[in-house]
């Protein structure tokens, strides 16, 4: 008898018009704070662990200096953007900041907002509600006209990130032609 190949089911397709959060996309470098069940704290970049001796723009050093406070994030992987002076756009600020991505947990009205360590910020939420293109267009227009929400007065923000709740996926749009040189939306 022939053996059948492994069956791979067709994945569920999420509905488009469901809740989303649109945040400002910060132009820095990806940062990860890992807190183990045992309280161990590690720093990571987008694709590797970093240490003060093998760092990513000083992020591992910052994590080491704030280790006790960062344990307050609780066990797990906590992703965000490490941004500010000397990193990408710099935003006209004279320090570096770590802004967590999970606005539903750590942002204004989030379930753990009050427990967020003082050393951590959160990416600015520009819209919360049902997904629709008008919300995306409005967020992009406001950033283009008014500049960064994260760094008021900085007039060259990078773009937006749309977190689609049903898809459990993030989508980005950049103001510089969305990654296509010379092409604007």
Protein backbone atom coordinates (compact mmCIF):
# COMPACT_ATOMS: atom_id res chain seq x y z
CA UNK A 1 0.00 0.00 0.00
CA UNK A 2 1.24 3.48 -0.83
CA UNK A 3 1.86 5.78 2.08
CA UNK A 4 0.22 9.13 1.87
CA UNK A 5 2.19 12.33 2.23
CA UNK A 6 1.71 14.37 5.36
CA UNK A 7 -1.60 16.21 5.14
CA UNK A 8 -1.23 19.97 5.46
CA UNK A 9 -4.48 21.74 6.19
CA UNK A 10 -5.37 25.05 4.61
CA UNK A 11 -4.91 27.76 7.22
CA UNK A 12 -7.87 29.83 8.34
CA UNK A 13 -8.19 33.19 6.61
CA UNK A 14 -8.78 36.03 9.07
CA UNK A 15 -11.44 38.63 8.33
CA UNK A 16 -10.04 41.99 7.20
CA UNK A 17 -12.49 44.35 8.90
CA UNK A 18 -11.63 43.53 12.51
CA UNK A 19 -9.90 45.42 15.29
CA UNK A 20 -6.50 46.92 14.67
CA UNK A 21 -4.06 49.32 16.27
CA UNK A 22 -2.06 51.75 14.16
CA UNK A 23 1.18 52.91 15.76
CA UNK A 24 4.01 55.17 14.74
CA UNK A 25 6.85 53.16 13.20
CA UNK A 26 10.04 54.35 14.84
CA UNK A 27 13.29 54.31 12.87
CA UNK A 28 15.85 52.81 15.21
CA UNK A 29 16.92 49.25 15.76
CA UNK A 30 14.88 46.33 17.00
CA UNK A 31 15.38 45.47 20.66
CA UNK A 32 14.35 42.47 22.71
CA UNK A 33 14.26 42.19 26.48
CA UNK A 34 13.91 38.59 27.60
CA UNK A 35 12.91 37.88 31.19
CA UNK A 36 13.20 34.24 32.22
CA UNK A 37 11.01 32.45 34.75
CA UNK A 38 14.10 32.48 36.99
CA UNK A 39 14.42 36.28 36.67
CA UNK A 40 17.33 36.16 34.23
CA UNK A 41 17.33 39.18 31.91
CA UNK A 42 18.86 39.08 28.41
CA UNK A 43 19.12 41.61 25.59
CA UNK A 44 18.57 40.81 21.94
CA UNK A 45 18.41 42.49 18.56
CA UNK A 46 16.21 41.44 15.65
CA UNK A 47 18.12 38.20 15.09
CA UNK A 48 20.62 37.54 17.90
CA UNK A 49 21.41 37.90 21.56
CA UNK A 50 23.61 40.90 22.34
CA UNK A 51 25.93 41.59 25.27
CA UNK A 52 27.72 44.74 26.45
CA UNK A 53 30.85 43.34 24.73
CA UNK A 54 28.99 42.57 21.47
CA UNK A 55 26.33 45.25 21.50
CA UNK A 56 23.76 46.87 19.22
CA UNK A 57 24.04 50.67 19.66
CA UNK A 58 24.45 50.27 23.42
CA UNK A 59 21.19 48.38 23.92
CA UNK A 60 22.73 45.47 25.87
CA UNK A 61 24.52 47.94 28.13
CA UNK A 62 21.23 49.76 28.75
CA UNK A 63 19.46 46.47 29.53
CA UNK A 64 22.24 45.51 31.97
CA UNK A 65 21.98 48.91 33.68
CA UNK A 66 18.18 48.56 34.04
CA UNK A 67 18.04 44.81 34.72
CA UNK A 68 16.23 45.04 38.08
CA UNK A 69 13.59 47.39 36.70
CA UNK A 70 13.12 45.34 33.50
CA UNK A 71 12.22 42.25 35.53
CA UNK A 72 8.95 44.10 36.11
CA UNK A 73 8.00 43.27 32.52
CA UNK A 74 7.47 39.70 33.73
CA UNK A 75 8.59 36.45 32.13
CA UNK A 76 8.65 36.41 28.36
CA UNK A 77 9.95 38.11 25.24
CA UNK A 78 9.37 41.86 25.16
CA UNK A 79 10.03 43.47 21.77
CA UNK A 80 10.45 47.15 21.04
CA UNK A 81 12.47 49.81 19.26
CA UNK A 82 15.79 51.17 20.55
CA UNK A 83 15.98 54.65 19.07
CA UNK A 84 17.40 58.13 19.47
CA UNK A 85 20.73 59.88 19.16
CA UNK A 86 23.14 58.14 16.78
CA UNK A 87 20.63 55.53 15.58
CA UNK A 88 19.03 55.91 12.11
CA UNK A 89 16.97 59.16 12.03
CA UNK A 90 17.97 60.16 15.58
CA UNK A 91 14.72 62.13 15.96
CA UNK A 92 16.53 65.23 17.21
CA UNK A 93 16.74 63.86 20.75
CA UNK A 94 19.90 63.63 22.82
CA UNK A 95 19.38 60.27 24.47
CA UNK A 96 18.35 56.77 23.47
CA UNK A 97 14.98 55.29 24.36
CA UNK A 98 13.38 51.85 24.38
CA UNK A 99 9.74 51.80 23.26
CA UNK A 100 7.78 48.57 23.61
CA UNK A 101 5.65 47.46 20.66
CA UNK A 102 2.76 45.84 22.57
CA UNK A 103 0.48 48.86 23.08
CA UNK A 104 -2.43 46.60 24.08
CA UNK A 105 -0.46 45.48 27.10
CA UNK A 106 1.82 48.41 27.98
CA UNK A 107 0.24 51.46 26.31
CA UNK A 108 -2.38 53.89 27.54
CA UNK A 109 -5.32 51.88 28.83
CA UNK A 110 -3.37 48.63 28.34
CA UNK A 111 -3.87 45.78 30.75
CA UNK A 112 -0.38 46.23 32.31
CA UNK A 113 0.14 49.97 31.72
CA UNK A 114 0.60 50.69 35.45
CA UNK A 115 3.21 47.91 35.78
CA UNK A 116 5.38 49.11 32.87
CA UNK A 117 8.90 49.87 34.06
CA UNK A 118 9.63 53.61 34.06
CA UNK A 119 12.68 53.06 31.85
CA UNK A 120 10.46 51.80 29.01
CA UNK A 121 8.24 53.79 26.72
CA UNK A 122 5.64 52.48 24.28
CA UNK A 123 5.31 53.24 20.57
CA UNK A 124 2.59 55.87 20.11
CA UNK A 125 -0.86 54.53 19.21
CA UNK A 126 -2.35 56.68 16.45
CA UNK A 127 -5.63 54.77 16.03
CA UNK A 128 -7.50 51.92 17.72
CA UNK A 129 -10.61 50.41 16.20
CA UNK A 130 -11.95 48.52 13.26
CA UNK A 131 -9.55 48.27 10.33
CA UNK A 132 -10.32 50.48 7.37
CA UNK A 133 -8.18 52.27 4.80
CA UNK A 134 -9.39 55.69 5.92
CA UNK A 135 -7.79 55.10 9.33
CA UNK A 136 -4.52 54.15 7.64
CA UNK A 137 -4.66 57.15 5.30
CA UNK A 138 -5.47 59.51 8.18
CA UNK A 139 -2.59 58.22 10.34
CA UNK A 140 -0.15 58.58 7.42
CA UNK A 141 -1.44 62.08 6.59
CA UNK A 142 -1.18 63.25 10.21
CA UNK A 143 2.40 62.00 10.55
CA UNK A 144 3.34 63.62 7.25
CA UNK A 145 1.79 66.96 8.20
CA UNK A 146 2.42 67.10 11.96
CA UNK A 147 5.58 65.02 12.31
CA UNK A 148 6.47 62.40 14.89
CA UNK A 149 4.24 61.78 17.88
CA UNK A 150 7.08 60.00 19.71
CA UNK A 151 9.42 62.97 19.26
CA UNK A 152 7.27 66.10 18.82
CA UNK A 153 8.83 68.61 16.45
CA UNK A 154 10.67 65.96 14.44
CA UNK A 155 9.22 66.35 10.95
CA UNK A 156 10.59 63.25 9.21
CA UNK A 157 8.88 60.29 10.91
CA UNK A 158 9.36 56.89 9.33
CA UNK A 159 5.79 55.63 8.99
CA UNK A 160 3.18 53.43 10.60
CA UNK A 161 2.65 49.86 11.72
CA UNK A 162 -0.82 48.31 11.60
CA UNK A 163 -1.35 45.48 14.10
CA UNK A 164 -4.28 43.42 12.81
CA UNK A 165 -5.83 41.59 15.74
CA UNK A 166 -7.62 38.83 13.79
CA UNK A 167 -4.53 38.03 11.72
CA UNK A 168 -2.19 38.45 14.72
CA UNK A 169 0.18 40.14 12.29
CA UNK A 170 1.84 43.51 11.83
CA UNK A 171 2.00 45.39 8.54
CA UNK A 172 4.13 48.48 7.92
CA UNK A 173 3.91 51.49 5.66
CA UNK A 174 6.73 54.01 5.34
CA UNK A 175 6.36 57.64 4.37
CA UNK A 176 9.39 57.55 2.06
CA UNK A 177 7.59 55.71 -0.73
CA UNK A 178 7.03 52.53 1.26
CA UNK A 179 10.39 51.07 0.42
CA UNK A 180 10.22 51.74 -3.31
CA UNK A 181 12.72 54.40 -4.32
CA UNK A 182 11.14 57.38 -6.01
CA UNK A 183 7.58 56.07 -5.65
CA UNK A 184 5.06 57.63 -3.28
CA UNK A 185 1.73 56.22 -2.25
